[in-house]
Amino acid sequence: MKDIIAVCGLKCNECGCYLATLHDDDRLRETIAEEWSKMYGADLDAEDINCEGCNTDSDRVFKHCHECEMRNCAFEREFDSCAECPEYPCSMLEDLHRMVPSTRDNLNALRDVIMK
């Protein structure tokens, strides 16, 4: 499977929510909802675990994606990802990069392709 990179640099195709949706796996949805509820102090149900990827044209994205500042910013500027932004990396991304360093690597790889 080709990597599907979210606006922020996360790999959608490695995300449990995306995989549960792709495979229509209700057991995985339940597991992810339970894990993420504990991990993030959220109240998630299996029904919340549906996502076709950050850049999908569908409304089926994880509910946090609708309020994600990075996603909203990129879409307002009509970018597919933060890698396209002339202000890259912004403070929002720097915070994410500290927590999930692979996001920086993924966006830098995209920038290398875009800037050629």
PDB file of N, CA and C in Angstrom:
ATOM      1  N   MET A   1       0.842  -1.175   0.000  1.00  0.00           N
ATOM      2  CA  MET A   1       0.000   0.000   0.000  1.00  0.00           C
ATOM      3  C   MET A   1       0.889   1.241   0.000  1.00  0.00           C
ATOM      4  N   LYS A   2       0.544   2.181  -0.826  1.00  0.00           N
ATOM      5  CA  LYS A   2       1.253   3.452  -0.896  1.00  0.00           C
ATOM      6  C   LYS A   2       0.963   4.250   0.378  1.00  0.00           C
ATOM      7  N   ASP A   3       1.984   4.955   0.884  1.00  0.00           N
ATOM      8  CA  ASP A   3       1.783   5.776   2.070  1.00  0.00           C
ATOM      9  C   ASP A   3       0.767   6.873   1.793  1.00  0.00           C
ATOM     10  N   ILE A   4      -0.104   7.071   2.744  1.00  0.00           N
ATOM     11  CA  ILE A   4      -1.076   8.158   2.701  1.00  0.00           C
ATOM     12  C   ILE A   4      -0.676   9.104   3.822  1.00  0.00           C
ATOM     13  N   ILE A   5      -0.167  10.261   3.449  1.00  0.00           N
ATOM     14  CA  ILE A   5       0.352  11.210   4.422  1.00  0.00           C
ATOM     15  C   ILE A   5      -0.707  12.261   4.741  1.00  0.00           C
ATOM     16  N   ALA A   6      -0.997  12.398   6.021  1.00  0.00           N
ATOM     17  CA  ALA A   6      -1.947  13.407   6.485  1.00  0.00           C
ATOM     18  C   ALA A   6      -1.335  14.795   6.345  1.00  0.00           C
ATOM     19  N   VAL A   7      -2.154  15.795   6.472  1.00  0.00           N
ATOM     20  CA  VAL A   7      -1.721  17.187   6.389  1.00  0.00           C
ATOM     21  C   VAL A   7      -0.503  17.431   7.279  1.00  0.00           C
ATOM     22  N   CYS A   8      -0.509  16.871   8.475  1.00  0.00           N
ATOM     23  CA  CYS A   8       0.528  17.118   9.475  1.00  0.00           C
ATOM     24  C   CYS A   8       1.744  16.205   9.351  1.00  0.00           C
ATOM     25  N   GLY A   9       1.675  15.206   8.500  1.00  0.00           N
ATOM     26  CA  GLY A   9       2.794  14.298   8.323  1.00  0.00           C
ATOM     27  C   GLY A   9       2.586  12.915   8.916  1.00  0.00           C
ATOM     28  N   LEU A  10       1.506  12.706   9.647  1.00  0.00           N
ATOM     29  CA  LEU A  10       1.206  11.352  10.123  1.00  0.00           C
ATOM     30  C   LEU A  10       0.901  10.468   8.921  1.00  0.00           C
ATOM     31  N   LYS A  11       1.191   9.190   9.045  1.00  0.00           N
ATOM     32  CA  LYS A  11       0.853   8.251   7.977  1.00  0.00           C
ATOM     33  C   LYS A  11      -0.517   7.650   8.262  1.00  0.00           C
ATOM     34  N   CYS A  12      -1.498   8.067   7.498  1.00  0.00           N
ATOM     35  CA  CYS A  12      -2.869   7.577   7.690  1.00  0.00           C
ATOM     36  C   CYS A  12      -2.925   6.054   7.597  1.00  0.00           C
ATOM     37  N   ASN A  13      -2.177   5.504   6.649  1.00  0.00           N
ATOM     38  CA  ASN A  13      -2.273   4.059   6.434  1.00  0.00           C
ATOM     39  C   ASN A  13      -1.612   3.244   7.541  1.00  0.00           C
ATOM     40  N   GLU A  14      -1.030   3.899   8.549  1.00  0.00           N
ATOM     41  CA  GLU A  14      -0.510   3.210   9.728  1.00  0.00           C
ATOM     42  C   GLU A  14      -1.396   3.457  10.948  1.00  0.00           C
ATOM     43  N   CYS A  15      -2.442   4.225  10.774  1.00  0.00           N
ATOM     44  CA  CYS A  15      -3.336   4.607  11.864  1.00  0.00           C
ATOM     45  C   CYS A  15      -4.426   3.544  12.053  1.00  0.00           C
ATOM     46  N   GLY A  16      -4.643   3.156  13.298  1.00  0.00           N
ATOM     47  CA  GLY A  16      -5.651   2.144  13.593  1.00  0.00           C
ATOM     48  C   GLY A  16      -7.043   2.534  13.154  1.00  0.00           C
ATOM     49  N   CYS A  17      -7.372   3.809  13.268  1.00  0.00           N
ATOM     50  CA  CYS A  17      -8.701   4.284  12.860  1.00  0.00           C
ATOM     51  C   CYS A  17      -8.891   4.103  11.353  1.00  0.00           C
ATOM     52  N   TYR A  18      -7.886   4.492  10.591  1.00  0.00           N
ATOM     53  CA  TYR A  18      -7.936   4.334   9.138  1.00  0.00           C
ATOM     54  C   TYR A  18      -8.023   2.852   8.763  1.00  0.00           C
ATOM     55  N   LEU A  19      -7.202   2.022   9.407  1.00  0.00           N
ATOM     56  CA  LEU A  19      -7.183   0.588   9.093  1.00  0.00           C
ATOM     57  C   LEU A  19      -8.505  -0.083   9.457  1.00  0.00           C
ATOM     58  N   ALA A  20      -9.090   0.304  10.583  1.00  0.00           N
ATOM     59  CA  ALA A  20     -10.385  -0.261  10.972  1.00  0.00           C
ATOM     60  C   ALA A  20     -11.453   0.088   9.942  1.00  0.00           C
ATOM     61  N   THR A  21     -11.380   1.304   9.415  1.00  0.00           N
ATOM     62  CA  THR A  21     -12.340   1.739   8.395  1.00  0.00           C
ATOM     63  C   THR A  21     -12.098   0.991   7.086  1.00  0.00           C
ATOM     64  N   LEU A  22     -10.846   0.935   6.678  1.00  0.00           N
ATOM     65  CA  LEU A  22     -10.484   0.275   5.432  1.00  0.00           C
ATOM     66  C   LEU A  22     -10.949  -1.179   5.403  1.00  0.00           C
ATOM     67  N   HIS A  23     -10.764  -1.871   6.526  1.00  0.00           N
ATOM     68  CA  HIS A  23     -11.107  -3.295   6.606  1.00  0.00           C
ATOM     69  C   HIS A  23     -12.483  -3.542   7.225  1.00  0.00           C
ATOM     70  N   ASP A  24     -13.214  -2.466   7.521  1.00  0.00           N
ATOM     71  CA  ASP A  24     -14.524  -2.549   8.168  1.00  0.00           C
ATOM     72  C   ASP A  24     -14.475  -3.529   9.339  1.00  0.00           C
ATOM     73  N   ASP A  25     -13.511  -3.282  10.242  1.00  0.00           N
ATOM     74  CA  ASP A  25     -13.204  -4.175  11.354  1.00  0.00           C
ATOM     75  C   ASP A  25     -13.759  -3.609  12.664  1.00  0.00           C
ATOM     76  N   ASP A  26     -14.924  -4.100  13.066  1.00  0.00           N
ATOM     77  CA  ASP A  26     -15.573  -3.597  14.270  1.00  0.00           C
ATOM     78  C   ASP A  26     -14.799  -3.941  15.543  1.00  0.00           C
ATOM     79  N   ARG A  27     -14.142  -5.068  15.570  1.00  0.00           N
ATOM     80  CA  ARG A  27     -13.333  -5.413  16.762  1.00  0.00           C
ATOM     81  C   ARG A  27     -12.185  -4.434  16.918  1.00  0.00           C
ATOM     82  N   LEU A  28     -11.538  -4.078  15.816  1.00  0.00           N
ATOM     83  CA  LEU A  28     -10.454  -3.104  15.876  1.00  0.00           C
ATOM     84  C   LEU A  28     -11.001  -1.737  16.284  1.00  0.00           C
ATOM     85  N   ARG A  29     -12.169  -1.368  15.787  1.00  0.00           N
ATOM     86  CA  ARG A  29     -12.790  -0.099  16.180  1.00  0.00           C
ATOM     87  C   ARG A  29     -12.986  -0.058  17.697  1.00  0.00           C
ATOM     88  N   GLU A  30     -13.494  -1.139  18.264  1.00  0.00           N
ATOM     89  CA  GLU A  30     -13.717  -1.202  19.707  1.00  0.00           C
ATOM     90  C   GLU A  30     -12.402  -1.079  20.474  1.00  0.00           C
ATOM     91  N   THR A  31     -11.387  -1.778  20.006  1.00  0.00           N
ATOM     92  CA  THR A  31     -10.074  -1.727  20.656  1.00  0.00           C
ATOM     93  C   THR A  31      -9.485  -0.326  20.603  1.00  0.00           C
ATOM     94  N   ILE A  32      -9.527   0.279  19.428  1.00  0.00           N
ATOM     95  CA  ILE A  32      -8.980   1.630  19.255  1.00  0.00           C
ATOM     96  C   ILE A  32      -9.751   2.627  20.118  1.00  0.00           C
ATOM     97  N   ALA A  33     -11.071   2.536  20.130  1.00  0.00           N
ATOM     98  CA  ALA A  33     -11.888   3.457  20.943  1.00  0.00           C
ATOM     99  C   ALA A  33     -11.510   3.340  22.414  1.00  0.00           C
ATOM    100  N   GLU A  34     -11.345   2.142  22.896  1.00  0.00           N
ATOM    101  CA  GLU A  34     -10.973   1.929  24.293  1.00  0.00           C
ATOM    102  C   GLU A  34      -9.573   2.480  24.577  1.00  0.00           C
ATOM    103  N   GLU A  35      -8.613   2.151  23.715  1.00  0.00           N
ATOM    104  CA  GLU A  35      -7.236   2.618  23.907  1.00  0.00           C
ATOM    105  C   GLU A  35      -7.150   4.137  23.855  1.00  0.00           C
ATOM    106  N   TRP A  36      -7.750   4.748  22.843  1.00  0.00           N
ATOM    107  CA  TRP A  36      -7.657   6.194  22.677  1.00  0.00           C
ATOM    108  C   TRP A  36      -8.424   6.928  23.772  1.00  0.00           C
ATOM    109  N   SER A  37      -9.514   6.351  24.248  1.00  0.00           N
ATOM    110  CA  SER A  37     -10.253   6.969  25.349  1.00  0.00           C
ATOM    111  C   SER A  37      -9.362   7.088  26.576  1.00  0.00           C
ATOM    112  N   LYS A  38      -8.639   6.025  26.879  1.00  0.00           N
ATOM    113  CA  LYS A  38      -7.722   6.044  28.021  1.00  0.00           C
ATOM    114  C   LYS A  38      -6.535   6.968  27.747  1.00  0.00           C
ATOM    115  N   MET A  39      -5.944   6.837  26.579  1.00  0.00           N
ATOM    116  CA  MET A  39      -4.727   7.566  26.235  1.00  0.00           C
ATOM    117  C   MET A  39      -4.953   9.077  26.195  1.00  0.00           C
ATOM    118  N   TYR A  40      -6.087   9.499  25.648  1.00  0.00           N
ATOM    119  CA  TYR A  40      -6.329  10.917  25.427  1.00  0.00           C
ATOM    120  C   TYR A  40      -7.397  11.505  26.343  1.00  0.00           C
ATOM    121  N   GLY A  41      -7.891  10.699  27.284  1.00  0.00           N
ATOM    122  CA  GLY A  41      -8.924  11.198  28.188  1.00  0.00           C
ATOM    123  C   GLY A  41     -10.186  11.592  27.453  1.00  0.00           C
ATOM    124  N   ALA A  42     -10.502  10.844  26.431  1.00  0.00           N
ATOM    125  CA  ALA A  42     -11.667  11.134  25.591  1.00  0.00           C
ATOM    126  C   ALA A  42     -12.750  10.091  25.849  1.00  0.00           C
ATOM    127  N   ASP A  43     -13.941  10.385  25.425  1.00  0.00           N
ATOM    128  CA  ASP A  43     -15.058   9.446  25.527  1.00  0.00           C
ATOM    129  C   ASP A  43     -15.398   8.988  24.116  1.00  0.00           C
ATOM    130  N   LEU A  44     -14.714   7.937  23.667  1.00  0.00           N
ATOM    131  CA  LEU A  44     -14.884   7.445  22.304  1.00  0.00           C
ATOM    132  C   LEU A  44     -15.588   6.100  22.289  1.00  0.00           C
ATOM    133  N   ASP A  45     -16.435   5.937  21.297  1.00  0.00           N
ATOM    134  CA  ASP A  45     -17.108   4.660  21.046  1.00  0.00           C
ATOM    135  C   ASP A  45     -16.608   4.109  19.720  1.00  0.00           C
ATOM    136  N   ALA A  46     -16.884   2.854  19.481  1.00  0.00           N
ATOM    137  CA  ALA A  46     -16.486   2.217  18.226  1.00  0.00           C
ATOM    138  C   ALA A  46     -17.022   2.988  17.020  1.00  0.00           C
ATOM    139  N   GLU A  47     -18.195   3.599  17.153  1.00  0.00           N
ATOM    140  CA  GLU A  47     -18.792   4.360  16.051  1.00  0.00           C
ATOM    141  C   GLU A  47     -17.965   5.593  15.688  1.00  0.00           C
ATOM    142  N   ASP A  48     -17.137   6.053  16.638  1.00  0.00           N
ATOM    143  CA  ASP A  48     -16.281   7.218  16.387  1.00  0.00           C
ATOM    144  C   ASP A  48     -15.050   6.862  15.557  1.00  0.00           C
ATOM    145  N   ILE A  49     -14.772   5.588  15.444  1.00  0.00           N
ATOM    146  CA  ILE A  49     -13.541   5.128  14.795  1.00  0.00           C
ATOM    147  C   ILE A  49     -13.825   4.821  13.326  1.00  0.00           C
ATOM    148  N   ASN A  50     -13.918   5.879  12.563  1.00  0.00           N
ATOM    149  CA  ASN A  50     -14.120   5.805  11.119  1.00  0.00           C
ATOM    150  C   ASN A  50     -13.351   6.945  10.470  1.00  0.00           C
ATOM    151  N   CYS A  51     -12.465   6.616   9.545  1.00  0.00           N
ATOM    152  CA  CYS A  51     -11.687   7.651   8.881  1.00  0.00           C
ATOM    153  C   CYS A  51     -11.154   7.108   7.556  1.00  0.00           C
ATOM    154  N   GLU A  52     -11.321   7.895   6.519  1.00  0.00           N
ATOM    155  CA  GLU A  52     -10.809   7.522   5.201  1.00  0.00           C
ATOM    156  C   GLU A  52      -9.536   8.280   4.850  1.00  0.00           C
ATOM    157  N   GLY A  53      -8.924   8.909   5.850  1.00  0.00           N
ATOM    158  CA  GLY A  53      -7.687   9.647   5.632  1.00  0.00           C
ATOM    159  C   GLY A  53      -7.931  11.132   5.670  1.00  0.00           C
ATOM    160  N   CYS A  54      -6.948  11.847   6.147  1.00  0.00           N
ATOM    161  CA  CYS A  54      -7.048  13.278   6.390  1.00  0.00           C
ATOM    162  C   CYS A  54      -7.464  14.068   5.143  1.00  0.00           C
ATOM    163  N   ASN A  55      -6.977  13.694   3.996  1.00  0.00           N
ATOM    164  CA  ASN A  55      -7.230  14.464   2.773  1.00  0.00           C
ATOM    165  C   ASN A  55      -8.395  13.944   1.943  1.00  0.00           C
ATOM    166  N   THR A  56      -9.189  13.088   2.511  1.00  0.00           N
ATOM    167  CA  THR A  56     -10.306  12.529   1.769  1.00  0.00           C
ATOM    168  C   THR A  56     -11.346  13.602   1.435  1.00  0.00           C
ATOM    169  N   ASP A  57     -12.067  13.387   0.367  1.00  0.00           N
ATOM    170  CA  ASP A  57     -13.194  14.255   0.025  1.00  0.00           C
ATOM    171  C   ASP A  57     -14.436  13.858   0.822  1.00  0.00           C
ATOM    172  N   SER A  58     -14.356  12.704   1.451  1.00  0.00           N
ATOM    173  CA  SER A  58     -15.460  12.177   2.238  1.00  0.00           C
ATOM    174  C   SER A  58     -15.539  12.897   3.586  1.00  0.00           C
ATOM    175  N   ASP A  59     -16.694  12.861   4.209  1.00  0.00           N
ATOM    176  CA  ASP A  59     -16.847  13.390   5.561  1.00  0.00           C
ATOM    177  C   ASP A  59     -16.428  12.367   6.607  1.00  0.00           C
ATOM    178  N   ARG A  60     -16.030  11.176   6.158  1.00  0.00           N
ATOM    179  CA  ARG A  60     -15.627  10.129   7.099  1.00  0.00           C
ATOM    180  C   ARG A  60     -14.172  10.326   7.509  1.00  0.00           C
ATOM    181  N   VAL A  61     -13.992  11.211   8.461  1.00  0.00           N
ATOM    182  CA  VAL A  61     -12.691  11.399   9.095  1.00  0.00           C
ATOM    183  C   VAL A  61     -12.912  11.326  10.594  1.00  0.00           C
ATOM    184  N   PHE A  62     -11.879  10.963  11.313  1.00  0.00           N
ATOM    185  CA  PHE A  62     -11.967  10.900  12.767  1.00  0.00           C
ATOM    186  C   PHE A  62     -12.443  12.250  13.293  1.00  0.00           C
ATOM    187  N   LYS A  63     -13.267  12.250  14.322  1.00  0.00           N
ATOM    188  CA  LYS A  63     -13.920  13.496  14.727  1.00  0.00           C
ATOM    189  C   LYS A  63     -12.936  14.595  15.106  1.00  0.00           C
ATOM    190  N   HIS A  64     -11.770  14.268  15.610  1.00  0.00           N
ATOM    191  CA  HIS A  64     -10.778  15.309  15.910  1.00  0.00           C
ATOM    192  C   HIS A  64     -10.318  16.012  14.634  1.00  0.00           C
ATOM    193  N   CYS A  65     -10.310  15.317  13.521  1.00  0.00           N
ATOM    194  CA  CYS A  65      -9.842  15.904  12.259  1.00  0.00           C
ATOM    195  C   CYS A  65     -10.662  17.126  11.867  1.00  0.00           C
ATOM    196  N   HIS A  66     -11.937  17.135  12.216  1.00  0.00           N
ATOM    197  CA  HIS A  66     -12.792  18.285  11.891  1.00  0.00           C
ATOM    198  C   HIS A  66     -12.364  19.537  12.647  1.00  0.00           C
ATOM    199  N   GLU A  67     -11.726  19.363  13.798  1.00  0.00           N
ATOM    200  CA  GLU A  67     -11.311  20.520  14.590  1.00  0.00           C
ATOM    201  C   GLU A  67      -9.794  20.697  14.621  1.00  0.00           C
ATOM    202  N   CYS A  68      -9.069  19.885  13.879  1.00  0.00           N
ATOM    203  CA  CYS A  68      -7.610  19.950  13.865  1.00  0.00           C
ATOM    204  C   CYS A  68      -7.141  21.280  13.260  1.00  0.00           C
ATOM    205  N   GLU A  69      -6.395  22.049  14.044  1.00  0.00           N
ATOM    206  CA  GLU A  69      -5.932  23.362  13.585  1.00  0.00           C
ATOM    207  C   GLU A  69      -5.030  23.256  12.360  1.00  0.00           C
ATOM    208  N   MET A  70      -4.169  22.251  12.333  1.00  0.00           N
ATOM    209  CA  MET A  70      -3.250  22.102  11.200  1.00  0.00           C
ATOM    210  C   MET A  70      -4.015  21.759   9.927  1.00  0.00           C
ATOM    211  N   ARG A  71      -4.955  20.845  10.031  1.00  0.00           N
ATOM    212  CA  ARG A  71      -5.760  20.451   8.870  1.00  0.00           C
ATOM    213  C   ARG A  71      -6.584  21.631   8.365  1.00  0.00           C
ATOM    214  N   ASN A  72      -7.239  22.325   9.292  1.00  0.00           N
ATOM    215  CA  ASN A  72      -8.059  23.478   8.902  1.00  0.00           C
ATOM    216  C   ASN A  72      -7.217  24.572   8.261  1.00  0.00           C
ATOM    217  N   CYS A  73      -6.039  24.815   8.806  1.00  0.00           N
ATOM    218  CA  CYS A  73      -5.147  25.831   8.245  1.00  0.00           C
ATOM    219  C   CYS A  73      -4.731  25.464   6.815  1.00  0.00           C
ATOM    220  N   ALA A  74      -4.308  24.227   6.641  1.00  0.00           N
ATOM    221  CA  ALA A  74      -3.873  23.785   5.303  1.00  0.00           C
ATOM    222  C   ALA A  74      -5.023  23.867   4.304  1.00  0.00           C
ATOM    223  N   PHE A  75      -6.206  23.430   4.698  1.00  0.00           N
ATOM    224  CA  PHE A  75      -7.341  23.459   3.781  1.00  0.00           C
ATOM    225  C   PHE A  75      -7.752  24.888   3.447  1.00  0.00           C
ATOM    226  N   GLU A  76      -7.687  25.789   4.429  1.00  0.00           N
ATOM    227  CA  GLU A  76      -8.015  27.191   4.164  1.00  0.00           C
ATOM    228  C   GLU A  76      -7.053  27.782   3.137  1.00  0.00           C
ATOM    229  N   ARG A  77      -5.805  27.334   3.177  1.00  0.00           N
ATOM    230  CA  ARG A  77      -4.782  27.841   2.256  1.00  0.00           C
ATOM    231  C   ARG A  77      -4.716  27.011   0.972  1.00  0.00           C
ATOM    232  N   GLU A  78      -5.593  26.017   0.888  1.00  0.00           N
ATOM    233  CA  GLU A  78      -5.685  25.120  -0.267  1.00  0.00           C
ATOM    234  C   GLU A  78      -4.411  24.311  -0.496  1.00  0.00           C
ATOM    235  N   PHE A  79      -3.810  23.843   0.610  1.00  0.00           N
ATOM    236  CA  PHE A  79      -2.656  22.953   0.559  1.00  0.00           C
ATOM    237  C   PHE A  79      -3.112  21.537   0.876  1.00  0.00           C
ATOM    238  N   ASP A  80      -2.478  20.561   0.237  1.00  0.00           N
ATOM    239  CA  ASP A  80      -2.739  19.164   0.572  1.00  0.00           C
ATOM    240  C   ASP A  80      -2.036  18.772   1.864  1.00  0.00           C
ATOM    241  N   SER A  81      -0.948  19.451   2.176  1.00  0.00           N
ATOM    242  CA  SER A  81      -0.223  19.174   3.411  1.00  0.00           C
ATOM    243  C   SER A  81       0.548  20.410   3.845  1.00  0.00           C
ATOM    244  N   CYS A  82       1.004  20.383   5.060  1.00  0.00           N
ATOM    245  CA  CYS A  82       1.807  21.481   5.597  1.00  0.00           C
ATOM    246  C   CYS A  82       3.140  21.607   4.867  1.00  0.00           C
ATOM    247  N   ALA A  83       3.550  20.570   4.185  1.00  0.00           N
ATOM    248  CA  ALA A  83       4.810  20.602   3.439  1.00  0.00           C
ATOM    249  C   ALA A  83       4.793  21.673   2.352  1.00  0.00           C
ATOM    250  N   GLU A  84       3.637  22.061   1.890  1.00  0.00           N
ATOM    251  CA  GLU A  84       3.503  23.060   0.826  1.00  0.00           C
ATOM    252  C   GLU A  84       3.565  24.497   1.336  1.00  0.00           C
ATOM    253  N   CYS A  85       3.459  24.675   2.635  1.00  0.00           N
ATOM    254  CA  CYS A  85       3.315  26.008   3.206  1.00  0.00           C
ATOM    255  C   CYS A  85       4.657  26.740   3.256  1.00  0.00           C
ATOM    256  N   PRO A  86       4.681  28.009   2.832  1.00  0.00           N
ATOM    257  CA  PRO A  86       5.918  28.797   2.903  1.00  0.00           C
ATOM    258  C   PRO A  86       6.337  29.094   4.341  1.00  0.00           C
ATOM    259  N   GLU A  87       5.425  28.931   5.306  1.00  0.00           N
ATOM    260  CA  GLU A  87       5.736  29.165   6.715  1.00  0.00           C
ATOM    261  C   GLU A  87       6.156  27.884   7.437  1.00  0.00           C
ATOM    262  N   TYR A  88       6.355  26.821   6.691  1.00  0.00           N
ATOM    263  CA  TYR A  88       6.750  25.531   7.266  1.00  0.00           C
ATOM    264  C   TYR A  88       8.129  25.640   7.896  1.00  0.00           C
ATOM    265  N   PRO A  89       8.328  25.101   9.071  1.00  0.00           N
ATOM    266  CA  PRO A  89       7.347  24.544  10.003  1.00  0.00           C
ATOM    267  C   PRO A  89       6.838  25.617  10.960  1.00  0.00           C
ATOM    268  N   CYS A  90       5.575  25.609  11.227  1.00  0.00           N
ATOM    269  CA  CYS A  90       4.979  26.565  12.159  1.00  0.00           C
ATOM    270  C   CYS A  90       5.048  25.996  13.582  1.00  0.00           C
ATOM    271  N   SER A  91       4.610  26.787  14.542  1.00  0.00           N
ATOM    272  CA  SER A  91       4.679  26.349  15.944  1.00  0.00           C
ATOM    273  C   SER A  91       3.786  25.136  16.211  1.00  0.00           C
ATOM    274  N   MET A  92       2.644  25.059  15.527  1.00  0.00           N
ATOM    275  CA  MET A  92       1.774  23.886  15.710  1.00  0.00           C
ATOM    276  C   MET A  92       2.508  22.622  15.289  1.00  0.00           C
ATOM    277  N   LEU A  93       3.184  22.696  14.159  1.00  0.00           N
ATOM    278  CA  LEU A  93       3.923  21.532  13.673  1.00  0.00           C
ATOM    279  C   LEU A  93       5.101  21.200  14.568  1.00  0.00           C
ATOM    280  N   GLU A  94       5.801  22.203  15.053  1.00  0.00           N
ATOM    281  CA  GLU A  94       6.953  21.956  15.917  1.00  0.00           C
ATOM    282  C   GLU A  94       6.533  21.174  17.158  1.00  0.00           C
ATOM    283  N   ASP A  95       5.374  21.506  17.719  1.00  0.00           N
ATOM    284  CA  ASP A  95       4.866  20.763  18.878  1.00  0.00           C
ATOM    285  C   ASP A  95       4.619  19.295  18.502  1.00  0.00           C
ATOM    286  N   LEU A  96       3.998  19.078  17.363  1.00  0.00           N
ATOM    287  CA  LEU A  96       3.734  17.711  16.909  1.00  0.00           C
ATOM    288  C   LEU A  96       5.043  16.979  16.610  1.00  0.00           C
ATOM    289  N   HIS A  97       5.979  17.649  15.966  1.00  0.00           N
ATOM    290  CA  HIS A  97       7.265  17.031  15.637  1.00  0.00           C
ATOM    291  C   HIS A  97       8.002  16.557  16.888  1.00  0.00           C
ATOM    292  N   ARG A  98       7.867  17.306  17.976  1.00  0.00           N
ATOM    293  CA  ARG A  98       8.511  16.876  19.229  1.00  0.00           C
ATOM    294  C   ARG A  98       7.865  15.597  19.757  1.00  0.00           C
ATOM    295  N   MET A  99       6.541  15.491  19.626  1.00  0.00           N
ATOM    296  CA  MET A  99       5.824  14.314  20.128  1.00  0.00           C
ATOM    297  C   MET A  99       5.946  13.125  19.182  1.00  0.00           C
ATOM    298  N   VAL A 100       5.924  13.402  17.875  1.00  0.00           N
ATOM    299  CA  VAL A 100       5.949  12.346  16.861  1.00  0.00           C
ATOM    300  C   VAL A 100       6.982  12.745  15.795  1.00  0.00           C
ATOM    301  N   PRO A 101       8.270  12.451  16.045  1.00  0.00           N
ATOM    302  CA  PRO A 101       9.338  12.889  15.134  1.00  0.00           C
ATOM    303  C   PRO A 101       9.190  12.408  13.694  1.00  0.00           C
ATOM    304  N   SER A 102       8.533  11.297  13.483  1.00  0.00           N
ATOM    305  CA  SER A 102       8.375  10.789  12.112  1.00  0.00           C
ATOM    306  C   SER A 102       7.555  11.744  11.244  1.00  0.00           C
ATOM    307  N   THR A 103       6.713  12.581  11.866  1.00  0.00           N
ATOM    308  CA  THR A 103       5.928  13.525  11.079  1.00  0.00           C
ATOM    309  C   THR A 103       6.836  14.531  10.370  1.00  0.00           C
ATOM    310  N   ARG A 104       7.915  14.938  11.039  1.00  0.00           N
ATOM    311  CA  ARG A 104       8.875  15.858  10.423  1.00  0.00           C
ATOM    312  C   ARG A 104       9.535  15.187   9.221  1.00  0.00           C
ATOM    313  N   ASP A 105       9.964  13.947   9.409  1.00  0.00           N
ATOM    314  CA  ASP A 105      10.611  13.209   8.316  1.00  0.00           C
ATOM    315  C   ASP A 105       9.679  13.071   7.121  1.00  0.00           C
ATOM    316  N   ASN A 106       8.415  12.751   7.393  1.00  0.00           N
ATOM    317  CA  ASN A 106       7.442  12.570   6.307  1.00  0.00           C
ATOM    318  C   ASN A 106       7.190  13.870   5.556  1.00  0.00           C
ATOM    319  N   LEU A 107       7.033  14.971   6.284  1.00  0.00           N
ATOM    320  CA  LEU A 107       6.807  16.261   5.626  1.00  0.00           C
ATOM    321  C   LEU A 107       8.051  16.752   4.905  1.00  0.00           C
ATOM    322  N   ASN A 108       9.220  16.517   5.490  1.00  0.00           N
ATOM    323  CA  ASN A 108      10.459  16.919   4.805  1.00  0.00           C
ATOM    324  C   ASN A 108      10.625  16.157   3.490  1.00  0.00           C
ATOM    325  N   ALA A 109      10.274  14.884   3.487  1.00  0.00           N
ATOM    326  CA  ALA A 109      10.347  14.092   2.255  1.00  0.00           C
ATOM    327  C   ALA A 109       9.380  14.647   1.209  1.00  0.00           C
ATOM    328  N   LEU A 110       8.186  15.026   1.636  1.00  0.00           N
ATOM    329  CA  LEU A 110       7.222  15.636   0.712  1.00  0.00           C
ATOM    330  C   LEU A 110       7.749  16.967   0.188  1.00  0.00           C
ATOM    331  N   ARG A 111       8.335  17.767   1.052  1.00  0.00           N
ATOM    332  CA  ARG A 111       8.890  19.069   0.628  1.00  0.00           C
ATOM    333  C   ARG A 111       9.980  18.871  -0.402  1.00  0.00           C
ATOM    334  N   ASP A 112      10.806  17.853  -0.218  1.00  0.00           N
ATOM    335  CA  ASP A 112      11.874  17.578  -1.184  1.00  0.00           C
ATOM    336  C   ASP A 112      11.297  17.345  -2.572  1.00  0.00           C
ATOM    337  N   VAL A 113      10.185  16.642  -2.653  1.00  0.00           N
ATOM    338  CA  VAL A 113       9.527  16.368  -3.932  1.00  0.00           C
ATOM    339  C   VAL A 113       8.873  17.644  -4.481  1.00  0.00           C
ATOM    340  N   ILE A 114       8.187  18.372  -3.616  1.00  0.00           N
ATOM    341  CA  ILE A 114       7.456  19.573  -4.031  1.00  0.00           C
ATOM    342  C   ILE A 114       8.408  20.676  -4.508  1.00  0.00           C
ATOM    343  N   MET A 115       9.505  20.830  -3.806  1.00  0.00           N
ATOM    344  CA  MET A 115      10.418  21.945  -4.088  1.00  0.00           C
ATOM    345  C   MET A 115      11.347  21.703  -5.276  1.00  0.00           C
ATOM    346  N   LYS A 116      11.294  20.517  -5.868  1.00  0.00           N
ATOM    347  CA  LYS A 116      12.142  20.233  -7.043  1.00  0.00           C
ATOM    348  C   LYS A 116      11.647  20.946  -8.258  1.00  0.00           C
TER     349      LYS A 116
END
